[in-house]
Amino acid sequence: MTNYLDQIEEILSFGKYSPNTIQSYKTYTAPFLDYCSSTLHKDPAEVSPAQIRAFITQLQTERNLCDNSTNHALSEIRFLYEAVLGLPWNAKQIPLRRQTFHLPLSPPPISWKTSFPVFRTSKRKPWFPSCILQACVSQRSAP
């Protein structure tokens, strides 16, 4: 196990990665190597894609990982297979997790006449920045 971790460190050091990046690449690789040796009793080169998916699922449930962290773990294991072991990685059998993106909440629509007192008191058209007025109008017209 330490031999693989040393090889990862050597490859990344040769690429002039920072020590923090090198340590980050070992975050999920070390537990994966431990899983291969203690649970599966196999060398990582002999592990099937189904067993890798089982490890990722176990890791996700034990550590309550979000999709970004799960993808980070998969990328580390992929680096182990491609750079250290020299084996191909089938992204169709072990895909990255799709991330759910949430749009920021928009504030509730406002009435520009009640929110800005200058419009209520003035008889003539006051100077007002057009970008704010445009934002108010677009908020009113949004479904």
C-alpha atoms as a PDB file:
ATOM      1  CA  MET A   1       0.000   0.000   0.000  1.00  0.00           C
ATOM      2  CA  THR A   2       2.734   2.476   0.909  1.00  0.00           C
ATOM      3  CA  ASN A   3       4.482   1.600  -2.338  1.00  0.00           C
ATOM      4  CA  TYR A   4       1.503   2.920  -4.329  1.00  0.00           C
ATOM      5  CA  LEU A   5       1.267   6.041  -2.184  1.00  0.00           C
ATOM      6  CA  ASP A   6       4.991   6.645  -2.646  1.00  0.00           C
ATOM      7  CA  GLN A   7       4.596   6.298  -6.411  1.00  0.00           C
ATOM      8  CA  ILE A   8       1.727   8.806  -6.393  1.00  0.00           C
ATOM      9  CA  GLU A   9       3.876  11.225  -4.423  1.00  0.00           C
ATOM     10  CA  GLU A  10       6.808  10.694  -6.783  1.00  0.00           C
ATOM     11  CA  ILE A  11       4.718  11.296  -9.923  1.00  0.00           C
ATOM     12  CA  LEU A  12       3.087  14.426  -8.513  1.00  0.00           C
ATOM     13  CA  SER A  13       6.381  15.773  -7.160  1.00  0.00           C
ATOM     14  CA  PHE A  14       7.910  15.322 -10.596  1.00  0.00           C
ATOM     15  CA  GLY A  15       5.031  17.393 -11.978  1.00  0.00           C
ATOM     16  CA  LYS A  16       5.910  20.119  -9.432  1.00  0.00           C
ATOM     17  CA  TYR A  17       2.614  19.908  -7.583  1.00  0.00           C
ATOM     18  CA  SER A  18       2.464  21.559  -4.183  1.00  0.00           C
ATOM     19  CA  PRO A  19       2.709  19.441  -1.014  1.00  0.00           C
ATOM     20  CA  ASN A  20      -0.927  20.250  -0.217  1.00  0.00           C
ATOM     21  CA  THR A  21      -2.044  18.934  -3.615  1.00  0.00           C
ATOM     22  CA  ILE A  22       0.002  15.785  -3.122  1.00  0.00           C
ATOM     23  CA  GLN A  23      -1.575  15.258   0.297  1.00  0.00           C
ATOM     24  CA  SER A  24      -4.994  15.908  -1.205  1.00  0.00           C
ATOM     25  CA  TYR A  25      -4.438  13.177  -3.796  1.00  0.00           C
ATOM     26  CA  LYS A  26      -3.797  10.714  -0.970  1.00  0.00           C
ATOM     27  CA  THR A  27      -7.004  11.584   0.910  1.00  0.00           C
ATOM     28  CA  TYR A  28      -9.164   8.903  -0.697  1.00  0.00           C
ATOM     29  CA  THR A  29      -6.458   6.789  -2.315  1.00  0.00           C
ATOM     30  CA  ALA A  30      -5.167   5.495   1.032  1.00  0.00           C
ATOM     31  CA  PRO A  31      -8.631   4.287   2.174  1.00  0.00           C
ATOM     32  CA  PHE A  32      -9.163   2.688  -1.247  1.00  0.00           C
ATOM     33  CA  LEU A  33      -5.877   0.800  -1.014  1.00  0.00           C
ATOM     34  CA  ASP A  34      -6.779  -0.254   2.512  1.00  0.00           C
ATOM     35  CA  TYR A  35     -10.190  -1.431   1.262  1.00  0.00           C
ATOM     36  CA  CYS A  36      -8.518  -3.457  -1.493  1.00  0.00           C
ATOM     37  CA  SER A  37      -6.072  -5.174   0.854  1.00  0.00           C
ATOM     38  CA  SER A  38      -8.175  -5.694   3.986  1.00  0.00           C
ATOM     39  CA  THR A  39     -11.716  -6.176   2.634  1.00  0.00           C
ATOM     40  CA  LEU A  40     -11.196  -7.569  -0.857  1.00  0.00           C
ATOM     41  CA  HIS A  41      -7.762  -9.171  -0.260  1.00  0.00           C
ATOM     42  CA  LYS A  42      -6.744  -8.139  -3.781  1.00  0.00           C
ATOM     43  CA  ASP A  43      -4.206  -5.958  -5.485  1.00  0.00           C
ATOM     44  CA  PRO A  44      -5.792  -2.739  -6.860  1.00  0.00           C
ATOM     45  CA  ALA A  45      -5.005  -3.915 -10.406  1.00  0.00           C
ATOM     46  CA  GLU A  46      -7.334  -6.904  -9.883  1.00  0.00           C
ATOM     47  CA  VAL A  47     -10.316  -4.917  -8.567  1.00  0.00           C
ATOM     48  CA  SER A  48     -13.366  -4.818 -10.823  1.00  0.00           C
ATOM     49  CA  PRO A  49     -15.400  -1.687 -11.632  1.00  0.00           C
ATOM     50  CA  ALA A  50     -18.296  -3.088  -9.565  1.00  0.00           C
ATOM     51  CA  GLN A  51     -16.015  -3.330  -6.530  1.00  0.00           C
ATOM     52  CA  ILE A  52     -14.818   0.236  -7.074  1.00  0.00           C
ATOM     53  CA  ARG A  53     -18.442   1.408  -7.216  1.00  0.00           C
ATOM     54  CA  ALA A  54     -19.125  -0.534  -4.005  1.00  0.00           C
ATOM     55  CA  PHE A  55     -16.200   1.247  -2.327  1.00  0.00           C
ATOM     56  CA  ILE A  56     -17.461   4.650  -3.494  1.00  0.00           C
ATOM     57  CA  THR A  57     -20.964   3.859  -2.245  1.00  0.00           C
ATOM     58  CA  GLN A  58     -19.576   2.750   1.116  1.00  0.00           C
ATOM     59  CA  LEU A  59     -17.413   5.859   1.327  1.00  0.00           C
ATOM     60  CA  GLN A  60     -20.371   8.070   0.488  1.00  0.00           C
ATOM     61  CA  THR A  61     -22.602   6.575   3.159  1.00  0.00           C
ATOM     62  CA  GLU A  62     -19.953   6.394   5.891  1.00  0.00           C
ATOM     63  CA  ARG A  63     -18.620   9.907   5.435  1.00  0.00           C
ATOM     64  CA  ASN A  64     -21.810  11.494   4.078  1.00  0.00           C
ATOM     65  CA  LEU A  65     -19.992  12.884   1.034  1.00  0.00           C
ATOM     66  CA  CYS A  66     -21.494  15.360  -1.383  1.00  0.00           C
ATOM     67  CA  ASP A  67     -21.205  14.855  -5.144  1.00  0.00           C
ATOM     68  CA  ASN A  68     -18.092  17.052  -5.402  1.00  0.00           C
ATOM     69  CA  SER A  69     -16.227  15.001  -2.798  1.00  0.00           C
ATOM     70  CA  THR A  70     -17.353  11.772  -4.420  1.00  0.00           C
ATOM     71  CA  ASN A  71     -16.019  12.983  -7.773  1.00  0.00           C
ATOM     72  CA  HIS A  72     -12.767  13.963  -6.055  1.00  0.00           C
ATOM     73  CA  ALA A  73     -12.440  10.415  -4.688  1.00  0.00           C
ATOM     74  CA  LEU A  74     -13.162   8.934  -8.116  1.00  0.00           C
ATOM     75  CA  SER A  75     -10.565  11.226  -9.705  1.00  0.00           C
ATOM     76  CA  GLU A  76      -7.939  10.099  -7.194  1.00  0.00           C
ATOM     77  CA  ILE A  77      -8.681   6.437  -7.867  1.00  0.00           C
ATOM     78  CA  ARG A  78      -8.603   7.135 -11.603  1.00  0.00           C
ATOM     79  CA  PHE A  79      -5.180   8.764 -11.197  1.00  0.00           C
ATOM     80  CA  LEU A  80      -4.001   5.650  -9.338  1.00  0.00           C
ATOM     81  CA  TYR A  81      -5.151   3.409 -12.168  1.00  0.00           C
ATOM     82  CA  GLU A  82      -3.929   5.510 -15.085  1.00  0.00           C
ATOM     83  CA  ALA A  83      -0.699   7.042 -13.781  1.00  0.00           C
ATOM     84  CA  VAL A  84       0.577   4.501 -11.255  1.00  0.00           C
ATOM     85  CA  LEU A  85      -0.803   1.163 -12.428  1.00  0.00           C
ATOM     86  CA  GLY A  86      -0.865   2.057 -16.139  1.00  0.00           C
ATOM     87  CA  LEU A  87      -4.323   0.551 -16.576  1.00  0.00           C
ATOM     88  CA  PRO A  88      -7.148   2.013 -18.682  1.00  0.00           C
ATOM     89  CA  TRP A  89     -10.091   3.639 -16.915  1.00  0.00           C
ATOM     90  CA  ASN A  90     -13.557   3.059 -18.296  1.00  0.00           C
ATOM     91  CA  ALA A  91     -15.546   6.183 -17.500  1.00  0.00           C
ATOM     92  CA  LYS A  92     -18.754   4.523 -18.694  1.00  0.00           C
ATOM     93  CA  GLN A  93     -18.514   1.788 -16.067  1.00  0.00           C
ATOM     94  CA  ILE A  94     -17.421   4.151 -13.300  1.00  0.00           C
ATOM     95  CA  PRO A  95     -18.960   7.533 -14.143  1.00  0.00           C
ATOM     96  CA  LEU A  96     -18.568  10.737 -12.196  1.00  0.00           C
ATOM     97  CA  ARG A  97     -21.564  11.789 -10.155  1.00  0.00           C
ATOM     98  CA  ARG A  98     -23.866  14.377 -11.661  1.00  0.00           C
ATOM     99  CA  GLN A  99     -23.993  17.486  -9.575  1.00  0.00           C
ATOM    100  CA  THR A 100     -27.181  19.266  -8.743  1.00  0.00           C
ATOM    101  CA  PHE A 101     -26.921  22.960  -9.349  1.00  0.00           C
ATOM    102  CA  HIS A 102     -29.238  25.351  -7.609  1.00  0.00           C
ATOM    103  CA  LEU A 103     -29.886  28.789  -8.950  1.00  0.00           C
ATOM    104  CA  PRO A 104     -29.671  31.540  -6.358  1.00  0.00           C
ATOM    105  CA  LEU A 105     -32.987  32.637  -4.985  1.00  0.00           C
ATOM    106  CA  SER A 106     -34.193  35.902  -6.352  1.00  0.00           C
ATOM    107  CA  PRO A 107     -35.761  38.414  -4.025  1.00  0.00           C
ATOM    108  CA  PRO A 108     -39.526  38.746  -4.172  1.00  0.00           C
ATOM    109  CA  PRO A 109     -40.838  41.203  -6.750  1.00  0.00           C
ATOM    110  CA  ILE A 110     -41.018  44.748  -5.452  1.00  0.00           C
ATOM    111  CA  SER A 111     -43.150  47.644  -6.379  1.00  0.00           C
ATOM    112  CA  TRP A 112     -40.764  50.392  -7.356  1.00  0.00           C
ATOM    113  CA  LYS A 113     -43.297  53.089  -6.523  1.00  0.00           C
ATOM    114  CA  THR A 114     -43.673  52.014  -2.906  1.00  0.00           C
ATOM    115  CA  SER A 115     -40.056  50.995  -2.369  1.00  0.00           C
ATOM    116  CA  PHE A 116     -38.508  54.234  -3.545  1.00  0.00           C
ATOM    117  CA  PRO A 117     -40.114  57.299  -1.932  1.00  0.00           C
ATOM    118  CA  VAL A 118     -38.713  59.646  -4.556  1.00  0.00           C
ATOM    119  CA  PHE A 119     -41.326  58.370  -6.991  1.00  0.00           C
ATOM    120  CA  ARG A 120     -44.216  59.045  -4.606  1.00  0.00           C
ATOM    121  CA  THR A 121     -43.384  62.627  -3.726  1.00  0.00           C
ATOM    122  CA  SER A 122     -42.053  64.096  -6.895  1.00  0.00           C
ATOM    123  CA  LYS A 123     -44.355  65.541  -9.542  1.00  0.00           C
ATOM    124  CA  ARG A 124     -41.760  65.621 -12.230  1.00  0.00           C
ATOM    125  CA  LYS A 125     -39.746  62.625 -13.359  1.00  0.00           C
ATOM    126  CA  PRO A 126     -36.710  62.357 -11.078  1.00  0.00           C
ATOM    127  CA  TRP A 127     -33.279  61.189 -12.102  1.00  0.00           C
ATOM    128  CA  PHE A 128     -32.917  57.540 -11.235  1.00  0.00           C
ATOM    129  CA  PRO A 129     -30.228  55.069 -12.268  1.00  0.00           C
ATOM    130  CA  SER A 130     -31.554  53.100 -15.201  1.00  0.00           C
ATOM    131  CA  CYS A 131     -30.042  49.829 -14.036  1.00  0.00           C
ATOM    132  CA  ILE A 132     -32.146  49.833 -10.859  1.00  0.00           C
ATOM    133  CA  LEU A 133     -35.260  50.769 -12.773  1.00  0.00           C
ATOM    134  CA  GLN A 134     -34.549  48.035 -15.316  1.00  0.00           C
ATOM    135  CA  ALA A 135     -34.100  45.493 -12.495  1.00  0.00           C
ATOM    136  CA  CYS A 136     -37.451  46.496 -10.995  1.00  0.00           C
ATOM    137  CA  VAL A 137     -39.202  46.170 -14.325  1.00  0.00           C
ATOM    138  CA  SER A 138     -37.636  42.779 -15.054  1.00  0.00           C
ATOM    139  CA  GLN A 139     -38.680  41.562 -11.586  1.00  0.00           C
ATOM    140  CA  ARG A 140     -42.268  42.601 -12.285  1.00  0.00           C
ATOM    141  CA  SER A 141     -42.365  40.885 -15.658  1.00  0.00           C
ATOM    142  CA  ALA A 142     -40.798  37.621 -14.418  1.00  0.00           C
ATOM    143  CA  PRO A 143     -43.273  34.711 -14.239  1.00  0.00           C
END
